[in-house]
Amino acid sequence: MIDREQVHKVAHLARLALTPQEEEQFTGQLNDILGYFEQLSELNTDTVVPTTRAIDVSNVTRPDQLQVCDARELILESAPDREATGQGDFFKVPKILNAD
């Protein structure tokens, strides 16, 4: 099982400032969690199919459809900077790639 010194070391590595009371609390909680995993490891799972979730979940999505935006000017007004070209107004963003 885990002792308080191991919790202190992991907290230090994770850059967490824990009080001695929190270290003691987390030591108990982590030991409870590990004890639960030990209980689970006693189960025979040879016939259980591996899954990523306990219940079936399906993603509800819609197909992308091109739509005309009626609020284009309103959206462009909220931009920190914009650039007008012969093809219309666009958001102006900082250059992130060099020419090299």
C-alpha atoms as a PDB file:
ATOM      1  CA  MET A   1       0.000   0.000   0.000  1.00  0.00           C
ATOM      2  CA  ILE A   2       0.934   3.671  -0.146  1.00  0.00           C
ATOM      3  CA  ASP A   3       2.441   5.532   2.787  1.00  0.00           C
ATOM      4  CA  ARG A   4       2.480   9.249   3.546  1.00  0.00           C
ATOM      5  CA  GLU A   5       6.061   9.649   2.286  1.00  0.00           C
ATOM      6  CA  GLN A   6       5.056   8.349  -1.164  1.00  0.00           C
ATOM      7  CA  VAL A   7       2.111  10.772  -1.276  1.00  0.00           C
ATOM      8  CA  HIS A   8       4.491  13.601  -0.320  1.00  0.00           C
ATOM      9  CA  LYS A   9       6.930  12.603  -3.095  1.00  0.00           C
ATOM     10  CA  VAL A  10       4.212  12.377  -5.771  1.00  0.00           C
ATOM     11  CA  ALA A  11       2.732  15.706  -4.657  1.00  0.00           C
ATOM     12  CA  HIS A  12       6.190  17.277  -4.944  1.00  0.00           C
ATOM     13  CA  LEU A  13       6.687  15.840  -8.445  1.00  0.00           C
ATOM     14  CA  ALA A  14       3.248  17.141  -9.452  1.00  0.00           C
ATOM     15  CA  ARG A  15       4.115  20.553  -7.994  1.00  0.00           C
ATOM     16  CA  LEU A  16       1.273  20.326  -5.463  1.00  0.00           C
ATOM     17  CA  ALA A  17       1.629  22.049  -2.109  1.00  0.00           C
ATOM     18  CA  LEU A  18      -0.152  19.731   0.312  1.00  0.00           C
ATOM     19  CA  THR A  19      -0.484  20.328   4.020  1.00  0.00           C
ATOM     20  CA  PRO A  20       0.431  17.453   6.360  1.00  0.00           C
ATOM     21  CA  GLN A  21      -3.303  16.949   6.992  1.00  0.00           C
ATOM     22  CA  GLU A  22      -3.990  16.691   3.239  1.00  0.00           C
ATOM     23  CA  GLU A  23      -1.126  14.215   2.818  1.00  0.00           C
ATOM     24  CA  GLU A  24      -2.645  12.074   5.570  1.00  0.00           C
ATOM     25  CA  GLN A  25      -6.125  12.367   4.037  1.00  0.00           C
ATOM     26  CA  PHE A  26      -4.925  11.483   0.527  1.00  0.00           C
ATOM     27  CA  THR A  27      -2.882   8.563   1.855  1.00  0.00           C
ATOM     28  CA  GLY A  28      -6.049   7.023   3.285  1.00  0.00           C
ATOM     29  CA  GLN A  29      -8.098   7.761   0.172  1.00  0.00           C
ATOM     30  CA  LEU A  30      -5.481   6.321  -2.191  1.00  0.00           C
ATOM     31  CA  ASN A  31      -5.176   3.190  -0.069  1.00  0.00           C
ATOM     32  CA  ASP A  32      -8.968   2.786  -0.187  1.00  0.00           C
ATOM     33  CA  ILE A  33      -8.868   3.082  -3.991  1.00  0.00           C
ATOM     34  CA  LEU A  34      -6.039   0.558  -4.299  1.00  0.00           C
ATOM     35  CA  GLY A  35      -7.890  -1.805  -1.967  1.00  0.00           C
ATOM     36  CA  TYR A  36     -10.919  -1.584  -4.236  1.00  0.00           C
ATOM     37  CA  PHE A  37      -8.763  -2.457  -7.249  1.00  0.00           C
ATOM     38  CA  GLU A  38      -7.411  -5.457  -5.367  1.00  0.00           C
ATOM     39  CA  GLN A  39     -11.001  -6.591  -4.835  1.00  0.00           C
ATOM     40  CA  LEU A  40     -11.718  -6.163  -8.543  1.00  0.00           C
ATOM     41  CA  SER A  41      -8.628  -8.167  -9.511  1.00  0.00           C
ATOM     42  CA  GLU A  42     -10.105 -11.191  -7.696  1.00  0.00           C
ATOM     43  CA  LEU A  43     -12.966 -11.363 -10.221  1.00  0.00           C
ATOM     44  CA  ASN A  44     -12.771 -13.804 -13.122  1.00  0.00           C
ATOM     45  CA  THR A  45     -13.014 -11.663 -16.252  1.00  0.00           C
ATOM     46  CA  ASP A  46     -11.983 -14.272 -18.826  1.00  0.00           C
ATOM     47  CA  THR A  47     -15.393 -14.196 -20.536  1.00  0.00           C
ATOM     48  CA  VAL A  48     -15.936 -10.427 -20.290  1.00  0.00           C
ATOM     49  CA  VAL A  49     -15.475  -8.486 -23.512  1.00  0.00           C
ATOM     50  CA  PRO A  50     -13.246  -5.403 -23.048  1.00  0.00           C
ATOM     51  CA  THR A  51     -15.122  -2.106 -23.326  1.00  0.00           C
ATOM     52  CA  THR A  52     -14.387   1.572 -22.922  1.00  0.00           C
ATOM     53  CA  ARG A  53     -17.649   2.340 -21.120  1.00  0.00           C
ATOM     54  CA  ALA A  54     -19.950   0.538 -18.729  1.00  0.00           C
ATOM     55  CA  ILE A  55     -22.986   1.357 -20.900  1.00  0.00           C
ATOM     56  CA  ASP A  56     -23.441   1.701 -24.646  1.00  0.00           C
ATOM     57  CA  VAL A  57     -23.219   5.321 -25.758  1.00  0.00           C
ATOM     58  CA  SER A  58     -23.673   6.631 -29.258  1.00  0.00           C
ATOM     59  CA  ASN A  59     -22.691  10.065 -30.427  1.00  0.00           C
ATOM     60  CA  VAL A  60     -25.593  12.115 -31.731  1.00  0.00           C
ATOM     61  CA  THR A  61     -24.313  14.218 -34.592  1.00  0.00           C
ATOM     62  CA  ARG A  62     -25.802  16.074 -37.483  1.00  0.00           C
ATOM     63  CA  PRO A  63     -24.374  16.416 -40.980  1.00  0.00           C
ATOM     64  CA  ASP A  64     -22.538  19.653 -41.751  1.00  0.00           C
ATOM     65  CA  GLN A  65     -24.607  21.913 -43.953  1.00  0.00           C
ATOM     66  CA  LEU A  66     -23.393  25.124 -45.534  1.00  0.00           C
ATOM     67  CA  GLN A  67     -25.550  28.062 -44.474  1.00  0.00           C
ATOM     68  CA  VAL A  68     -25.453  31.763 -45.228  1.00  0.00           C
ATOM     69  CA  CYS A  69     -24.642  33.853 -42.160  1.00  0.00           C
ATOM     70  CA  ASP A  70     -26.909  36.885 -41.881  1.00  0.00           C
ATOM     71  CA  ALA A  71     -24.907  38.351 -38.970  1.00  0.00           C
ATOM     72  CA  ARG A  72     -21.585  38.604 -40.825  1.00  0.00           C
ATOM     73  CA  GLU A  73     -21.099  42.331 -40.154  1.00  0.00           C
ATOM     74  CA  LEU A  74     -22.010  41.907 -36.492  1.00  0.00           C
ATOM     75  CA  ILE A  75     -19.446  39.112 -36.132  1.00  0.00           C
ATOM     76  CA  LEU A  76     -16.726  41.117 -37.906  1.00  0.00           C
ATOM     77  CA  GLU A  77     -17.415  44.127 -35.633  1.00  0.00           C
ATOM     78  CA  SER A  78     -16.382  42.061 -32.622  1.00  0.00           C
ATOM     79  CA  ALA A  79     -13.015  41.153 -34.192  1.00  0.00           C
ATOM     80  CA  PRO A  80      -9.962  42.806 -32.607  1.00  0.00           C
ATOM     81  CA  ASP A  81      -8.623  43.532 -36.095  1.00  0.00           C
ATOM     82  CA  ARG A  82      -9.985  43.061 -39.596  1.00  0.00           C
ATOM     83  CA  GLU A  83      -8.694  43.396 -43.099  1.00  0.00           C
ATOM     84  CA  ALA A  84     -10.653  44.479 -46.143  1.00  0.00           C
ATOM     85  CA  THR A  85      -9.687  42.930 -49.458  1.00  0.00           C
ATOM     86  CA  GLY A  86     -11.272  42.904 -52.866  1.00  0.00           C
ATOM     87  CA  GLN A  87     -13.026  39.665 -51.871  1.00  0.00           C
ATOM     88  CA  GLY A  88     -14.557  40.978 -48.627  1.00  0.00           C
ATOM     89  CA  ASP A  89     -13.754  41.577 -44.974  1.00  0.00           C
ATOM     90  CA  PHE A  90     -11.801  39.016 -42.967  1.00  0.00           C
ATOM     91  CA  PHE A  91     -10.480  38.535 -39.447  1.00  0.00           C
ATOM     92  CA  LYS A  92      -6.858  39.665 -39.310  1.00  0.00           C
ATOM     93  CA  VAL A  93      -4.695  37.370 -37.181  1.00  0.00           C
ATOM     94  CA  PRO A  94      -0.991  37.428 -36.304  1.00  0.00           C
ATOM     95  CA  LYS A  95       1.336  35.575 -38.645  1.00  0.00           C
ATOM     96  CA  ILE A  96       2.402  32.279 -37.062  1.00  0.00           C
ATOM     97  CA  LEU A  97       4.518  30.716 -39.834  1.00  0.00           C
ATOM     98  CA  ASN A  98       7.752  32.103 -41.228  1.00  0.00           C
ATOM     99  CA  ALA A  99       8.592  32.082 -44.893  1.00  0.00           C
ATOM    100  CA  ASP A 100      11.528  29.670 -44.355  1.00  0.00           C
END
